[in-house]
């Protein structure tokens, strides 16, 4: 496993990002978070993230892992299809897994800074379906 991560990490520059997101329709939560993007090749990347929401009595931590696949390049803007699974840890509600599908835009600002925007849909089943929502995320990342 370690050698696989090392090979994946050498494909091109990894990126560390910070972001803010907003849920609409499933609790209207605002989150701030950190992410790590590890490119596997020119089109595929692995992404992991941690986000935190603190609002009233509905604190929620969100731990996610997923993939991004570049589906289109429009000038400098890359369009990524995204899929991830997230574990939601809630202070006052049910904990569990949710899925996420989305479309992301990545615009290089400099050689090392990239602006990111993602429009996604979060969905769960059974007790987690109350967290079904649309999610808009904005952020910046730094290549290292």
C-alpha atoms as a PDB file:
ATOM      1  CA  UNK A   1       0.000   0.000   0.000  1.00  0.00           C
ATOM      2  CA  UNK A   2       2.795   2.429   0.885  1.00  0.00           C
ATOM      3  CA  UNK A   3       4.559   1.796  -2.452  1.00  0.00           C
ATOM      4  CA  UNK A   4       1.272   2.416  -4.302  1.00  0.00           C
ATOM      5  CA  UNK A   5       0.854   5.753  -2.537  1.00  0.00           C
ATOM      6  CA  UNK A   6       4.483   6.639  -3.333  1.00  0.00           C
ATOM      7  CA  UNK A   7       3.990   5.862  -7.039  1.00  0.00           C
ATOM      8  CA  UNK A   8       0.720   7.798  -7.130  1.00  0.00           C
ATOM      9  CA  UNK A   9       2.366  10.735  -5.363  1.00  0.00           C
ATOM     10  CA  UNK A  10       5.135  10.973  -7.955  1.00  0.00           C
ATOM     11  CA  UNK A  11       2.806  11.250 -10.975  1.00  0.00           C
ATOM     12  CA  UNK A  12       2.680  15.045 -10.583  1.00  0.00           C
ATOM     13  CA  UNK A  13       2.387  17.679  -7.877  1.00  0.00           C
ATOM     14  CA  UNK A  14       0.131  16.975  -4.916  1.00  0.00           C
ATOM     15  CA  UNK A  15      -2.162  19.770  -3.762  1.00  0.00           C
ATOM     16  CA  UNK A  16      -3.230  20.912  -0.310  1.00  0.00           C
ATOM     17  CA  UNK A  17      -6.410  22.964  -0.258  1.00  0.00           C
ATOM     18  CA  UNK A  18      -8.678  24.994   1.993  1.00  0.00           C
ATOM     19  CA  UNK A  19     -12.363  25.406   1.257  1.00  0.00           C
ATOM     20  CA  UNK A  20     -15.740  26.632   2.403  1.00  0.00           C
ATOM     21  CA  UNK A  21     -18.986  24.919   1.470  1.00  0.00           C
ATOM     22  CA  UNK A  22     -22.709  25.470   1.816  1.00  0.00           C
ATOM     23  CA  UNK A  23     -25.471  22.839   1.890  1.00  0.00           C
ATOM     24  CA  UNK A  24     -28.921  23.680   0.528  1.00  0.00           C
ATOM     25  CA  UNK A  25     -31.892  21.489   1.274  1.00  0.00           C
ATOM     26  CA  UNK A  26     -30.601  19.109   3.944  1.00  0.00           C
ATOM     27  CA  UNK A  27     -29.974  21.288   6.961  1.00  0.00           C
ATOM     28  CA  UNK A  28     -28.366  24.316   5.307  1.00  0.00           C
ATOM     29  CA  UNK A  29     -24.942  23.815   6.904  1.00  0.00           C
ATOM     30  CA  UNK A  30     -21.873  25.958   6.332  1.00  0.00           C
ATOM     31  CA  UNK A  31     -18.520  24.158   6.535  1.00  0.00           C
ATOM     32  CA  UNK A  32     -14.832  25.008   6.424  1.00  0.00           C
ATOM     33  CA  UNK A  33     -12.283  22.358   5.574  1.00  0.00           C
ATOM     34  CA  UNK A  34      -8.966  21.060   4.322  1.00  0.00           C
ATOM     35  CA  UNK A  35      -8.247  18.659   1.477  1.00  0.00           C
ATOM     36  CA  UNK A  36      -5.410  16.765  -0.135  1.00  0.00           C
ATOM     37  CA  UNK A  37      -5.410  15.934  -3.853  1.00  0.00           C
ATOM     38  CA  UNK A  38      -3.005  13.237  -5.092  1.00  0.00           C
ATOM     39  CA  UNK A  39      -2.856  12.947  -8.912  1.00  0.00           C
ATOM     40  CA  UNK A  40      -2.530   9.424 -10.328  1.00  0.00           C
ATOM     41  CA  UNK A  41      -2.051  10.624 -13.917  1.00  0.00           C
ATOM     42  CA  UNK A  42      -3.120  13.529 -16.143  1.00  0.00           C
ATOM     43  CA  UNK A  43      -6.843  12.766 -15.704  1.00  0.00           C
ATOM     44  CA  UNK A  44      -7.354  10.857 -12.435  1.00  0.00           C
ATOM     45  CA  UNK A  45      -6.753  12.102  -8.888  1.00  0.00           C
ATOM     46  CA  UNK A  46      -7.487  10.783  -5.413  1.00  0.00           C
ATOM     47  CA  UNK A  47      -8.901  13.251  -2.903  1.00  0.00           C
ATOM     48  CA  UNK A  48      -9.342  13.162   0.868  1.00  0.00           C
ATOM     49  CA  UNK A  49     -10.839  15.869   3.031  1.00  0.00           C
ATOM     50  CA  UNK A  50     -11.942  16.954   6.466  1.00  0.00           C
ATOM     51  CA  UNK A  51     -14.631  19.571   7.016  1.00  0.00           C
ATOM     52  CA  UNK A  52     -16.120  21.029  10.187  1.00  0.00           C
ATOM     53  CA  UNK A  53     -19.466  22.699  10.797  1.00  0.00           C
ATOM     54  CA  UNK A  54     -20.356  24.447  14.050  1.00  0.00           C
ATOM     55  CA  UNK A  55     -23.852  25.911  14.036  1.00  0.00           C
ATOM     56  CA  UNK A  56     -26.168  26.036  17.017  1.00  0.00           C
ATOM     57  CA  UNK A  57     -26.441  22.462  18.350  1.00  0.00           C
ATOM     58  CA  UNK A  58     -25.770  20.720  15.021  1.00  0.00           C
ATOM     59  CA  UNK A  59     -21.963  20.344  15.043  1.00  0.00           C
ATOM     60  CA  UNK A  60     -20.875  18.006  12.271  1.00  0.00           C
ATOM     61  CA  UNK A  61     -17.494  16.642  11.184  1.00  0.00           C
ATOM     62  CA  UNK A  62     -17.262  15.289   7.628  1.00  0.00           C
ATOM     63  CA  UNK A  63     -14.429  12.941   6.589  1.00  0.00           C
ATOM     64  CA  UNK A  64     -14.335  12.127   2.868  1.00  0.00           C
ATOM     65  CA  UNK A  65     -12.351  10.098   0.355  1.00  0.00           C
ATOM     66  CA  UNK A  66     -12.952   9.951  -3.372  1.00  0.00           C
ATOM     67  CA  UNK A  67     -11.784  10.368  -6.925  1.00  0.00           C
ATOM     68  CA  UNK A  68     -11.830  13.164  -9.480  1.00  0.00           C
ATOM     69  CA  UNK A  69     -11.619  12.451 -13.199  1.00  0.00           C
ATOM     70  CA  UNK A  70     -10.956  15.234 -15.716  1.00  0.00           C
ATOM     71  CA  UNK A  71     -13.715  14.969 -18.322  1.00  0.00           C
ATOM     72  CA  UNK A  72     -13.041  18.155 -20.273  1.00  0.00           C
ATOM     73  CA  UNK A  73     -10.482  20.928 -20.678  1.00  0.00           C
ATOM     74  CA  UNK A  74     -11.777  24.374 -21.693  1.00  0.00           C
ATOM     75  CA  UNK A  75      -8.719  26.579 -22.132  1.00  0.00           C
ATOM     76  CA  UNK A  76      -7.055  26.716 -18.714  1.00  0.00           C
ATOM     77  CA  UNK A  77     -10.179  25.429 -16.911  1.00  0.00           C
ATOM     78  CA  UNK A  78     -10.354  21.703 -16.111  1.00  0.00           C
ATOM     79  CA  UNK A  79     -13.800  20.156 -15.622  1.00  0.00           C
ATOM     80  CA  UNK A  80     -13.771  17.166 -13.245  1.00  0.00           C
ATOM     81  CA  UNK A  81     -16.390  14.540 -12.534  1.00  0.00           C
ATOM     82  CA  UNK A  82     -16.234  13.689  -8.826  1.00  0.00           C
ATOM     83  CA  UNK A  83     -17.357  10.793  -6.638  1.00  0.00           C
ATOM     84  CA  UNK A  84     -16.681  10.372  -2.941  1.00  0.00           C
ATOM     85  CA  UNK A  85     -17.878   8.672   0.194  1.00  0.00           C
ATOM     86  CA  UNK A  86     -18.040  10.642   3.435  1.00  0.00           C
ATOM     87  CA  UNK A  87     -18.512   9.713   7.076  1.00  0.00           C
ATOM     88  CA  UNK A  88     -20.643  12.270   8.925  1.00  0.00           C
ATOM     89  CA  UNK A  89     -20.020  12.511  12.664  1.00  0.00           C
ATOM     90  CA  UNK A  90     -22.831  14.510  14.252  1.00  0.00           C
ATOM     91  CA  UNK A  91     -22.868  15.858  17.808  1.00  0.00           C
ATOM     92  CA  UNK A  92     -26.656  15.735  18.109  1.00  0.00           C
ATOM     93  CA  UNK A  93     -27.814  13.292  15.435  1.00  0.00           C
ATOM     94  CA  UNK A  94     -27.123   9.975  13.674  1.00  0.00           C
ATOM     95  CA  UNK A  95     -23.596   9.242  12.391  1.00  0.00           C
ATOM     96  CA  UNK A  96     -23.072   7.391   9.128  1.00  0.00           C
ATOM     97  CA  UNK A  97     -21.953   7.242   5.511  1.00  0.00           C
ATOM     98  CA  UNK A  98     -23.175   9.333   2.584  1.00  0.00           C
ATOM     99  CA  UNK A  99     -22.255   9.365  -1.095  1.00  0.00           C
ATOM    100  CA  UNK A 100     -21.381  12.444  -3.120  1.00  0.00           C
ATOM    101  CA  UNK A 101     -21.518  13.064  -6.887  1.00  0.00           C
ATOM    102  CA  UNK A 102     -20.427  16.336  -8.401  1.00  0.00           C
ATOM    103  CA  UNK A 103     -18.885  18.424 -11.107  1.00  0.00           C
ATOM    104  CA  UNK A 104     -15.826  20.529 -10.338  1.00  0.00           C
ATOM    105  CA  UNK A 105     -14.023  23.377 -12.056  1.00  0.00           C
ATOM    106  CA  UNK A 106     -10.285  23.979 -11.540  1.00  0.00           C
ATOM    107  CA  UNK A 107      -8.671  27.232 -12.715  1.00  0.00           C
ATOM    108  CA  UNK A 108      -4.920  27.763 -12.312  1.00  0.00           C
ATOM    109  CA  UNK A 109      -4.229  31.220 -10.860  1.00  0.00           C
ATOM    110  CA  UNK A 110      -0.435  30.832 -10.759  1.00  0.00           C
ATOM    111  CA  UNK A 111       1.944  27.883 -11.245  1.00  0.00           C
ATOM    112  CA  UNK A 112       1.255  26.752  -7.665  1.00  0.00           C
ATOM    113  CA  UNK A 113      -2.203  28.175  -6.807  1.00  0.00           C
ATOM    114  CA  UNK A 114      -5.480  26.816  -8.212  1.00  0.00           C
ATOM    115  CA  UNK A 115      -9.023  28.116  -7.635  1.00  0.00           C
ATOM    116  CA  UNK A 116     -11.653  25.378  -7.237  1.00  0.00           C
ATOM    117  CA  UNK A 117     -15.444  25.265  -7.400  1.00  0.00           C
ATOM    118  CA  UNK A 118     -17.635  22.172  -7.002  1.00  0.00           C
ATOM    119  CA  UNK A 119     -21.381  21.697  -7.368  1.00  0.00           C
ATOM    120  CA  UNK A 120     -22.399  18.367  -5.912  1.00  0.00           C
ATOM    121  CA  UNK A 121     -25.190  16.226  -4.557  1.00  0.00           C
ATOM    122  CA  UNK A 122     -24.884  14.416  -1.235  1.00  0.00           C
ATOM    123  CA  UNK A 123     -27.129  11.429  -0.653  1.00  0.00           C
ATOM    124  CA  UNK A 124     -27.587   8.789   2.005  1.00  0.00           C
ATOM    125  CA  UNK A 125     -29.958   5.920   2.662  1.00  0.00           C
ATOM    126  CA  UNK A 126     -32.244   5.078   5.580  1.00  0.00           C
ATOM    127  CA  UNK A 127     -31.296   7.176   8.618  1.00  0.00           C
ATOM    128  CA  UNK A 128     -28.747   9.225   6.644  1.00  0.00           C
ATOM    129  CA  UNK A 129     -31.238  10.357   3.968  1.00  0.00           C
ATOM    130  CA  UNK A 130     -32.061  13.390   6.137  1.00  0.00           C
ATOM    131  CA  UNK A 131     -28.639  14.720   5.072  1.00  0.00           C
ATOM    132  CA  UNK A 132     -29.471  14.530   1.321  1.00  0.00           C
ATOM    133  CA  UNK A 133     -28.596  17.950  -0.026  1.00  0.00           C
ATOM    134  CA  UNK A 134     -26.989  20.002  -2.767  1.00  0.00           C
ATOM    135  CA  UNK A 135     -23.497  21.245  -1.879  1.00  0.00           C
ATOM    136  CA  UNK A 136     -21.551  24.184  -3.312  1.00  0.00           C
ATOM    137  CA  UNK A 137     -17.850  24.307  -2.416  1.00  0.00           C
ATOM    138  CA  UNK A 138     -15.333  27.056  -3.168  1.00  0.00           C
ATOM    139  CA  UNK A 139     -11.650  26.859  -2.374  1.00  0.00           C
ATOM    140  CA  UNK A 140      -8.028  27.337  -3.282  1.00  0.00           C
ATOM    141  CA  UNK A 141      -5.235  24.787  -3.377  1.00  0.00           C
ATOM    142  CA  UNK A 142      -1.450  24.922  -3.314  1.00  0.00           C
ATOM    143  CA  UNK A 143       0.736  22.534  -5.344  1.00  0.00           C
ATOM    144  CA  UNK A 144       3.761  21.086  -3.595  1.00  0.00           C
END
